[in-house]
């Protein structure tokens, strides 16, 4: 499964960073119940691996993919693969990390913030890219990238919330990833409404994916 499959009909991904394993699973179930099928658990330190493993196990019970974020080294790729992650995400682009992730059978979503980084990623065959930090880049950056790079699918990440997600999608982002904003209870229902505006193989609600 590649990102075209993972993001088919999906416009929102939940990033669950810095939570206990129990809270990560609870938040993942909440996301899935609301129709947000994609969940990322960053593994910026070994302490985060139990949360990733717990989320992966919960996802398997519901047919939901869980990815590993902040995968910045081949060692973290190996840790993500060992934990059962379905994909990896990084804040920047590193050809070695991309190669290691693909060798492990995991689609990799590298971060970019400039046209040069997009070109570099494209040379390595990556067409799904994490635009980070989105709020620093601004919606105008996404609109500007659409012209020279029509084949690129950008996932807006960094400072994205229910209040501005639609703006990034309208500007050309293929999807948005929301992290710290999820600490605000009011964000969940609004993001669920955005997720419900698209349909795909993951379906919606609490049932397993088709």
Protein backbone atom coordinates (compact mmCIF):
# COMPACT_ATOMS: atom_id res chain seq x y z
CA UNK A 1 0.00 0.00 0.00
CA UNK A 2 1.36 3.44 -0.94
CA UNK A 3 0.29 6.96 -0.01
CA UNK A 4 -2.13 7.14 -2.92
CA UNK A 5 -3.97 4.27 -1.24
CA UNK A 6 -3.49 5.54 2.31
CA UNK A 7 -4.80 9.01 1.51
CA UNK A 8 -7.52 7.87 -0.90
CA UNK A 9 -10.58 9.81 0.19
CA UNK A 10 -8.75 11.16 3.24
CA UNK A 11 -7.98 14.83 3.89
CA UNK A 12 -7.03 14.66 7.57
CA UNK A 13 -4.35 12.80 9.50
CA UNK A 14 -4.10 12.93 13.30
CA UNK A 15 -0.65 13.26 14.87
CA UNK A 16 -0.56 11.86 18.42
CA UNK A 17 2.69 13.07 19.94
CA UNK A 18 3.98 12.81 23.49
CA UNK A 19 1.10 10.79 24.95
CA UNK A 20 1.19 7.67 27.08
CA UNK A 21 0.42 4.40 25.34
CA UNK A 22 -3.03 4.36 26.95
CA UNK A 23 -3.85 7.93 25.94
CA UNK A 24 -2.48 7.37 22.44
CA UNK A 25 -4.83 4.43 21.94
CA UNK A 26 -7.77 6.40 23.34
CA UNK A 27 -7.08 9.31 20.99
CA UNK A 28 -6.60 6.95 18.05
CA UNK A 29 -9.96 5.33 18.68
CA UNK A 30 -11.54 8.76 18.91
CA UNK A 31 -10.04 9.72 15.56
CA UNK A 32 -11.25 6.51 13.95
CA UNK A 33 -14.72 6.88 15.46
CA UNK A 34 -14.93 10.34 13.91
CA UNK A 35 -13.89 9.10 10.48
CA UNK A 36 -10.25 10.22 10.64
CA UNK A 37 -8.65 7.02 9.40
CA UNK A 38 -4.97 7.97 9.39
CA UNK A 39 -2.99 8.24 12.62
CA UNK A 40 0.69 9.07 13.05
CA UNK A 41 2.61 8.48 16.27
CA UNK A 42 5.96 10.33 16.33
CA UNK A 43 8.94 8.40 17.72
CA UNK A 44 11.34 11.23 18.45
CA UNK A 45 12.69 9.19 21.38
CA UNK A 46 12.69 5.50 22.42
CA UNK A 47 10.15 6.41 25.10
CA UNK A 48 7.57 6.91 22.35
CA UNK A 49 7.86 3.39 20.95
CA UNK A 50 5.40 1.77 23.42
CA UNK A 51 2.75 4.28 22.32
CA UNK A 52 3.39 3.42 18.66
CA UNK A 53 3.18 -0.32 19.34
CA UNK A 54 -0.06 0.11 21.29
CA UNK A 55 -1.61 2.24 18.53
CA UNK A 56 -0.55 -0.26 15.87
CA UNK A 57 -2.19 -3.09 17.81
CA UNK A 58 -5.37 -1.05 18.22
CA UNK A 59 -5.33 -0.17 14.54
CA UNK A 60 -5.05 -3.79 13.50
CA UNK A 61 -8.22 -4.59 15.43
CA UNK A 62 -10.08 -2.00 13.35
CA UNK A 63 -8.32 -2.23 10.01
CA UNK A 64 -6.69 1.17 10.41
CA UNK A 65 -3.11 2.04 9.40
CA UNK A 66 -0.84 3.70 11.95
CA UNK A 67 2.36 5.41 10.88
CA UNK A 68 5.51 6.47 12.69
CA UNK A 69 6.53 10.13 12.67
CA UNK A 70 9.84 11.95 13.21
CA UNK A 71 11.64 9.09 11.48
CA UNK A 72 14.93 10.86 10.80
CA UNK A 73 17.46 8.01 10.77
CA UNK A 74 17.71 4.46 9.41
CA UNK A 75 17.69 3.23 13.01
CA UNK A 76 14.31 4.86 13.54
CA UNK A 77 13.10 3.26 10.34
CA UNK A 78 14.07 -0.11 11.80
CA UNK A 79 12.31 0.72 15.08
CA UNK A 80 9.16 1.80 13.21
CA UNK A 81 9.15 -1.38 11.13
CA UNK A 82 9.69 -3.51 14.23
CA UNK A 83 6.73 -1.79 15.90
CA UNK A 84 4.51 -2.61 12.93
CA UNK A 85 4.08 0.89 11.50
CA UNK A 86 2.32 1.12 8.13
CA UNK A 87 4.32 4.16 6.94
CA UNK A 88 6.97 6.63 8.09
CA UNK A 89 7.05 10.43 8.20
CA UNK A 90 9.98 12.85 8.62
CA UNK A 91 10.27 16.62 9.11
CA UNK A 92 12.89 16.85 6.35
CA UNK A 93 14.24 14.98 3.34
CA UNK A 94 17.03 12.40 3.67
CA UNK A 95 17.66 10.02 0.78
CA UNK A 96 19.13 7.38 3.07
CA UNK A 97 16.08 7.40 5.32
CA UNK A 98 13.78 7.21 2.30
CA UNK A 99 15.70 4.24 0.90
CA UNK A 100 15.71 2.46 4.26
CA UNK A 101 11.98 2.95 4.68
CA UNK A 102 11.16 1.69 1.21
CA UNK A 103 13.49 -1.29 1.73
CA UNK A 104 11.49 -2.10 4.86
CA UNK A 105 8.27 -2.00 2.82
CA UNK A 106 7.09 1.27 4.36
CA UNK A 107 6.00 4.28 2.30
CA UNK A 108 7.93 7.36 3.47
CA UNK A 109 6.57 10.92 3.67
CA UNK A 110 9.57 13.28 3.79
CA UNK A 111 9.34 16.92 4.77
CA UNK A 112 10.02 19.78 2.34
CA UNK A 113 9.94 23.56 2.59
CA UNK A 114 11.54 24.78 -0.66
CA UNK A 115 11.29 24.11 -4.40
CA UNK A 116 14.83 22.68 -4.30
CA UNK A 117 13.81 20.14 -1.66
CA UNK A 118 10.77 19.19 -3.72
CA UNK A 119 12.99 18.62 -6.78
CA UNK A 120 15.38 16.51 -4.73
CA UNK A 121 12.52 14.38 -3.41
CA UNK A 122 11.13 13.95 -6.92
CA UNK A 123 14.53 12.76 -8.17
CA UNK A 124 14.30 10.03 -5.55
CA UNK A 125 10.81 9.05 -6.70
CA UNK A 126 8.85 10.62 -3.81
CA UNK A 127 5.69 12.38 -4.98
CA UNK A 128 3.89 12.53 -1.60
CA UNK A 129 5.59 15.11 0.58
CA UNK A 130 5.05 16.70 3.98
CA UNK A 131 5.09 20.50 3.68
CA UNK A 132 6.52 21.64 7.01
CA UNK A 133 6.04 23.96 8.81
CA UNK A 134 2.84 24.84 6.98
CA UNK A 135 1.91 27.95 8.91
CA UNK A 136 5.37 29.43 8.36
CA UNK A 137 5.20 28.64 4.65
CA UNK A 138 1.66 30.05 4.37
CA UNK A 139 -1.15 29.16 2.00
CA UNK A 140 0.42 31.21 -0.78
CA UNK A 141 3.39 28.82 -0.86
CA UNK A 142 1.10 25.88 -1.57
CA UNK A 143 -0.63 27.74 -4.38
CA UNK A 144 2.76 28.71 -5.85
CA UNK A 145 4.01 25.11 -5.83
CA UNK A 146 1.04 23.84 -7.82
CA UNK A 147 2.34 25.37 -11.07
CA UNK A 148 5.84 23.89 -11.33
CA UNK A 149 5.06 20.67 -9.47
CA UNK A 150 1.60 19.44 -10.53
CA UNK A 151 2.60 15.82 -9.83
CA UNK A 152 3.35 16.47 -6.15
CA UNK A 153 0.89 15.72 -3.36
CA UNK A 154 1.55 17.98 -0.38
CA UNK A 155 0.42 17.20 3.17
CA UNK A 156 0.27 20.47 5.13
CA UNK A 157 1.77 19.95 8.58
CA UNK A 158 2.80 22.27 11.39
CA UNK A 159 0.38 24.68 13.00
CA UNK A 160 -2.62 23.32 11.09
CA UNK A 161 -5.94 23.26 12.91
CA UNK A 162 -9.64 23.04 12.19
CA UNK A 163 -9.62 26.82 11.82
CA UNK A 164 -7.22 26.93 8.86
CA UNK A 165 -7.22 23.40 7.41
CA UNK A 166 -9.72 24.24 4.67
CA UNK A 167 -7.54 27.17 3.57
CA UNK A 168 -4.58 24.88 2.98
CA UNK A 169 -6.70 22.38 1.08
CA UNK A 170 -8.10 25.17 -1.10
CA UNK A 171 -4.56 26.42 -1.76
CA UNK A 172 -3.48 23.06 -3.13
CA UNK A 173 -2.59 20.80 -0.21
CA UNK A 174 -3.73 17.22 -0.80
CA UNK A 175 -4.32 16.68 2.91
CA UNK A 176 -3.57 18.17 6.32
CA UNK A 177 -1.95 16.66 9.40
CA UNK A 178 -3.08 18.01 12.76
CA UNK A 179 -1.12 17.54 15.97
CA UNK A 180 -0.99 19.99 18.87
CA UNK A 181 -4.37 21.48 17.95
CA UNK A 182 -6.00 18.21 19.05
CA UNK A 183 -5.43 19.26 22.67
CA UNK A 184 -8.40 21.59 22.08
CA UNK A 185 -11.59 19.57 22.47
CA UNK A 186 -13.45 21.79 20.00
CA UNK A 187 -11.08 20.74 17.21
CA UNK A 188 -12.18 17.13 17.02
CA UNK A 189 -15.73 17.58 15.74
CA UNK A 190 -14.70 20.27 13.27
CA UNK A 191 -11.96 18.06 11.85
CA UNK A 192 -14.39 15.16 11.72
CA UNK A 193 -16.68 17.27 9.54
CA UNK A 194 -13.75 17.98 7.22
CA UNK A 195 -12.86 14.29 7.10
CA UNK A 196 -16.48 13.42 6.33
CA UNK A 197 -16.43 15.68 3.28
CA UNK A 198 -14.32 13.09 1.45
CA UNK A 199 -14.94 9.41 0.87
CA UNK A 200 -12.55 6.58 0.25
CA UNK A 201 -11.70 2.95 0.98
CA UNK A 202 -11.40 3.54 4.72
CA UNK A 203 -15.03 4.52 5.02
CA UNK A 204 -16.18 6.45 8.09
CA UNK A 205 -17.32 5.81 11.62
CA UNK A 206 -16.13 3.04 13.89
CA UNK A 207 -16.28 0.02 11.61
CA UNK A 208 -13.28 -1.58 9.94
CA UNK A 209 -12.06 -0.45 6.59
CA UNK A 210 -13.53 -2.00 3.48
